Protein backbone atom coordinates (compact mmCIF):
# COMPACT_ATOMS: atom_id res chain seq x y z
CA UNK A 1 24.15 -22.78 32.01
CA UNK A 2 20.40 -22.21 32.47
CA UNK A 3 18.46 -19.90 30.16
CA UNK A 4 18.17 -17.40 33.02
CA UNK A 5 21.96 -17.26 33.28
CA UNK A 6 22.49 -17.04 29.52
CA UNK A 7 25.05 -14.61 28.19
CA UNK A 8 25.88 -13.77 24.58
CA UNK A 9 26.74 -16.94 22.65
CA UNK A 10 28.43 -17.70 19.33
CA UNK A 11 26.11 -18.01 16.34
CA UNK A 12 26.63 -20.09 13.21
CA UNK A 13 29.15 -17.57 11.88
CA UNK A 14 31.07 -17.44 15.18
CA UNK A 15 29.88 -13.95 16.13
CA UNK A 16 28.45 -13.68 19.64
CA UNK A 17 24.77 -12.80 19.91
CA UNK A 18 21.97 -12.53 22.43
CA UNK A 19 20.95 -16.12 23.17
CA UNK A 20 17.32 -15.66 21.99
CA UNK A 21 18.48 -15.01 18.42
CA UNK A 22 20.04 -18.45 18.00
CA UNK A 23 16.92 -20.60 17.91
CA UNK A 24 15.72 -19.86 14.37
CA UNK A 25 16.94 -18.18 11.17
CA UNK A 26 14.12 -15.60 11.32
CA UNK A 27 15.12 -14.63 14.87
CA UNK A 28 18.77 -14.43 13.87
CA UNK A 29 17.98 -12.16 10.93
CA UNK A 30 15.71 -9.91 13.02
CA UNK A 31 18.33 -9.66 15.78
CA UNK A 32 21.15 -8.86 13.36
CA UNK A 33 19.36 -6.39 11.08
CA UNK A 34 16.59 -4.72 13.06
CA UNK A 35 16.21 -5.26 16.81
CA UNK A 36 17.61 -2.36 18.81
CA UNK A 37 18.20 -0.08 15.83
CA UNK A 38 17.01 3.49 16.16
CA UNK A 39 13.62 4.27 14.62
CA UNK A 40 12.85 7.90 13.83
CA UNK A 41 9.80 7.67 11.55
CA UNK A 42 6.25 7.59 12.89
CA UNK A 43 5.15 4.82 10.51
CA UNK A 44 8.00 2.53 11.53
CA UNK A 45 7.37 3.26 15.21
CA UNK A 46 3.66 2.56 14.76
CA UNK A 47 4.43 -0.82 13.18
CA UNK A 48 6.75 -1.82 16.04
CA UNK A 49 4.19 -0.89 18.68
CA UNK A 50 1.53 -2.86 16.81
CA UNK A 51 3.78 -5.91 16.48
CA UNK A 52 4.67 -5.82 20.16
CA UNK A 53 0.94 -5.67 20.95
CA UNK A 54 0.30 -8.66 18.71
CA UNK A 55 2.99 -10.59 20.60
CA UNK A 56 1.15 -10.45 23.93
CA UNK A 57 0.67 -14.09 24.96
CA UNK A 58 2.54 -15.41 21.91
CA UNK A 59 6.15 -16.05 20.93
CA UNK A 60 8.03 -13.41 19.00
CA UNK A 61 8.77 -16.04 16.35
CA UNK A 62 5.02 -16.38 15.70
CA UNK A 63 4.80 -12.62 15.14
CA UNK A 64 7.83 -12.59 12.84
CA UNK A 65 6.41 -15.39 10.71
CA UNK A 66 3.10 -13.58 10.38
CA UNK A 67 4.64 -10.15 9.86
CA UNK A 68 4.44 -10.14 6.02
CA UNK A 69 0.73 -10.99 6.15
CA UNK A 70 0.15 -8.45 8.92
CA UNK A 71 1.86 -5.77 6.86
CA UNK A 72 -0.28 -6.62 3.86
CA UNK A 73 -3.52 -6.73 5.86
CA UNK A 74 -2.81 -3.48 7.70
CA UNK A 75 -1.77 -1.42 4.67
CA UNK A 76 1.91 -1.53 5.56
CA UNK A 77 1.00 -0.20 9.03
CA UNK A 78 0.49 3.27 7.56
CA UNK A 79 -1.47 5.02 10.32
CA UNK A 80 -3.35 7.19 7.81
CA UNK A 81 -4.70 4.10 6.02
CA UNK A 82 -5.38 1.99 9.12
CA UNK A 83 -7.25 4.86 10.80
CA UNK A 84 -9.89 4.56 8.07
CA UNK A 85 -10.60 0.88 8.84
CA UNK A 86 -14.10 0.15 10.09
CA UNK A 87 -16.24 -2.72 11.36
CA UNK A 88 -16.20 -4.52 7.99
CA UNK A 89 -12.39 -4.43 7.99
CA UNK A 90 -12.28 -5.91 11.49
CA UNK A 91 -14.46 -8.83 10.32
CA UNK A 92 -12.33 -9.28 7.20
CA UNK A 93 -9.15 -9.40 9.30
CA UNK A 94 -10.68 -11.84 11.78
CA UNK A 95 -11.43 -14.17 8.86
CA UNK A 96 -7.86 -14.13 7.52
CA UNK A 97 -6.10 -17.29 8.75
CA UNK A 98 -2.68 -15.80 7.96
CA UNK A 99 -3.05 -13.25 10.77
CA UNK A 100 -3.13 -13.23 14.54
CA UNK A 101 -6.90 -13.24 14.84
CA UNK A 102 -7.60 -11.50 18.10
CA UNK A 103 -10.45 -9.00 17.96
CA UNK A 104 -8.97 -7.00 20.84
CA UNK A 105 -5.56 -6.75 19.14
CA UNK A 106 -7.01 -5.89 15.72
CA UNK A 107 -9.28 -3.22 17.16
CA UNK A 108 -6.34 -1.83 19.16
CA UNK A 109 -4.29 -1.39 15.97
CA UNK A 110 -7.10 0.64 14.40
CA UNK A 111 -7.68 2.68 17.56
CA UNK A 112 -3.95 3.27 17.92
CA UNK A 113 -3.64 4.44 14.30
CA UNK A 114 -6.28 7.09 14.97
CA UNK A 115 -4.57 8.11 18.20
CA UNK A 116 -1.14 8.26 16.51
CA UNK A 117 -2.43 10.74 13.95
CA UNK A 118 -3.56 13.06 16.73
CA UNK A 119 -0.28 13.11 18.63
CA UNK A 120 1.38 16.51 18.77
CA UNK A 121 4.98 16.07 17.66
CA UNK A 122 4.46 12.52 16.40
CA UNK A 123 4.67 8.99 17.78
CA UNK A 124 8.41 8.44 17.35
CA UNK A 125 9.22 11.62 19.26
CA UNK A 126 6.84 10.66 22.06
CA UNK A 127 8.39 7.20 22.48
CA UNK A 128 11.96 8.52 22.28
CA UNK A 129 11.08 11.11 24.91
CA UNK A 130 10.93 8.31 27.50
CA UNK A 131 14.52 7.13 26.98
CA UNK A 132 16.18 6.64 30.36
CA UNK A 133 19.10 8.85 31.32
CA UNK A 134 21.09 5.76 32.33
CA UNK A 135 20.59 2.20 31.16
CA UNK A 136 23.13 -0.36 32.37
CA UNK A 137 24.40 -2.87 29.86
CA UNK A 138 22.89 -6.30 30.57
CA UNK A 139 25.37 -9.13 30.86
CA UNK A 140 22.85 -11.96 31.38
CA UNK A 141 19.20 -12.54 30.53
CA UNK A 142 18.31 -11.94 34.17
CA UNK A 143 19.72 -8.40 33.84
CA UNK A 144 17.06 -7.46 31.27
CA UNK A 145 13.90 -6.11 32.89
CA UNK A 146 10.39 -6.82 31.62
CA UNK A 147 9.45 -3.20 32.25
CA UNK A 148 10.95 -0.06 33.75
CA UNK A 149 9.66 3.14 35.34
CA UNK A 150 10.18 4.80 31.94
CA UNK A 151 8.15 2.17 30.10
CA UNK A 152 5.38 2.47 32.70
CA UNK A 153 5.36 6.24 32.15
CA UNK A 154 5.35 5.75 28.37
CA UNK A 155 2.43 3.31 28.59
CA UNK A 156 0.53 5.78 30.72
CA UNK A 157 1.21 8.60 28.24
CA UNK A 158 0.13 6.46 25.28
CA UNK A 159 -3.10 5.51 27.04
CA UNK A 160 -3.75 9.13 27.92
CA UNK A 161 -3.54 9.87 24.18
CA UNK A 162 -6.05 7.13 23.35
CA UNK A 163 -3.83 4.10 22.72
CA UNK A 164 -4.75 0.65 23.97
CA UNK A 165 -2.94 -2.69 24.34
CA UNK A 166 0.17 -0.80 25.44
CA UNK A 167 1.01 -1.77 29.01
CA UNK A 168 4.47 -1.24 30.56
CA UNK A 169 5.83 -4.56 29.25
CA UNK A 170 4.64 -3.93 25.68
CA UNK A 171 5.97 -0.37 25.88
CA UNK A 172 9.34 -1.66 27.08
CA UNK A 173 9.53 -4.24 24.30
CA UNK A 174 8.88 -1.43 21.81
CA UNK A 175 11.62 0.66 23.44
CA UNK A 176 14.04 -2.27 23.06
CA UNK A 177 13.04 -2.98 19.46
CA UNK A 178 13.42 0.64 18.37
CA UNK A 179 16.72 1.47 20.02
CA UNK A 180 15.33 3.67 22.79
CA UNK A 181 17.22 1.31 25.10
CA UNK A 182 20.05 -1.02 24.10
CA UNK A 183 19.37 -4.42 25.62
CA UNK A 184 21.79 -6.39 23.48
CA UNK A 185 23.81 -8.36 26.01
CA UNK A 186 27.41 -7.39 26.67
CA UNK A 187 29.48 -9.52 24.36
CA UNK A 188 26.84 -9.40 21.60
CA UNK A 189 28.32 -8.06 18.38
CA UNK A 190 25.30 -5.75 17.95
CA UNK A 191 25.72 -4.06 21.34
CA UNK A 192 26.21 -0.30 20.95
CA UNK A 193 25.60 -0.30 17.20
CA UNK A 194 22.69 1.73 15.95
CA UNK A 195 23.50 1.43 12.23
CA UNK A 196 22.54 -1.49 10.05
CA UNK A 197 25.34 -4.02 9.54
């Protein structure tokens, strides 16, 4: 079976999971305990959007491995704290080898923190407001889209509110990660479960 045809597969404990979770212990843990679970808080939603932005052009495993350092460097992704970062903070972050050192991505996190604080109703409510009415359960990897009309509309709304580094694909990845859509493959033991195991 090619990767494109992949369906849910048994993990080390025998439970079936989305195929991407089986390549590394960090991916397995993230899949089982976080990916696709509903996020209602603005701080948690802000972190997920930032992490998805950091992933652009990189593997998700790279982001997961750098996540503790990113959390430390960006004040736990608290928008109120990150919004106060300035030029000296950007230079400090660019010099930290533990991080993903992209000026555009770092500056986007700061800009997005400021924009998040200005959102009427909050960031989590805005993102959840773009949940599709219907979302078919994917059976294979090829059934999972890279973006959707809803994620394109979300990206447009975020940009209108001053966000950057949030195109339709990044917006869709954030929707998947935060349970706005359930893209666990059919057969995956996490499919349809919004509570932590």
